[in-house]
Amino acid sequence: MRVSASRWQDGAWIDAPDSALSGPRTLVLVFGASTYLDRPEPLHDVLSRFPDSVVMGCSTAGEILGATIEDDTVTVAVTQFDATDLRPASAVMNGIGDSFDSGASIARQLQADDLRAVLVLSTGLEINGSELVRGINSGLTSDVLVAGGLAGDGSAFRRTWAMDHDGPKERLVAAVGFYGPNVRVGHGARGGWTSFGPERLVTRSEGSTLYELDGERALTLYKEYLGDLASGLPAAALRFPLALRESPVSDKYLVRTILAVDEDEQSLTFAGDLPQGWMAQLMRANFDELVAGAEDAADVASVEAIQDGLVIAISCVGRRLVLGETAEEEVEATLDRLPPGSTQIGFYSYGELSPFASGECDLHNQTMTLLAIGEEPGPA
């Protein structure tokens, strides 16, 4: 297994992607600003260098490479496996209503007895992440690790893209399956957010749209908590996500971030479902808590990580907004906890896909999610 990384910046490559690694057992990951949809030259250059490899990627709210975060660049990681087979899959969406079917299609394309893990990169807008995950889970067994993320567009929430072998598209879900006994995968997803205020009952919701909490209009209630920050919605909501759990006695929490507000309906639209009858509570965090959460994610992922392996770091845009100019400290923290020689690449996202601990995949917001991929020696 060999891993190399490159970055396109200011119109040129810094250490151009190594086309000598091209082949059917090579995975090429590409992360870049949303504006590269209009100027896709570096994306097409990557495709031309790796015509027979699996190429996939997405737009970001910041590109991660090593211990650095950049904007308006393209970052690339090329991983050549020795004994692990790869299979790409993709689904083009017409709109949010296709979320479940797109996930189910990905699962059908990848399903096989020797499938070990799936990486999913999806458009970040006009998608119901919960339904996408539900569709994927419907076609795969729980022993297949599914992880990934939803594309970003900074804090603009206007346009995102995902990429497969045909190039970038606005409404695309791309995935790759890892096959065979030699591949090793580990994952970790942690937040570091703290709940505050009363826990409330979701009394009216439809899919990813929340209308009422404890019988009160959701947006009205949310604005009361935000105070002066309410004028900055929906971006301001990235600093104050919701924690969800199925019942007051459940130990499993999911975090949801607001993507849009509707003043007429006084409703909030989130990146994933908010089931009616579940419990919801506001969350907030500070610098130390978020960095500690990232460290915890790396510690969990490192259990299965291999020296000199590939690590895909997907962190929520809300974490970056809270951390501000110190955001690089969370990617430095994860890299420090990973095995020696790890190549860390990733992006800031609009949602993270990972099991809560083990088993089926869930949609998360506001986490640092890590997928560590390595390979045991084996026959070619």
Foldseek 3Di string as FASTA:
>chain_A
DAKDKWKADPHGIDPDDDLVLADQQKEKEKEAAQCCVVVVVVVVVVLVSHVNYWYKYKYFLWWDWQLDTDHGMMMMMMDGDFPKGKDKDKDFDPFQVCQLVRLLRRLVRADDPFWAEKEKEFAQPRHANQSNQVNVPVRDFQRYWYKYAHHDNNLPLDFMWMATSVGIDGGMMMMMTIGDDWKWKFKFKFFLKDFDDDKWAQADDDKQKGQDTNRDGDLVVVCVVCPPLSVVPPSSQLQKWKWKDQDPPDPDIATWHFSDADPVSSMTGTSHGDDGGIIITIIHHADVSRLVRLLRGLLRRQVGADALWEKEKEFASSCCVRCPPNVSSSSNNSSVSHHHNYTYIYHHHRWIWGDSRGTGIGIHHNITMMMHMDTDDDHD
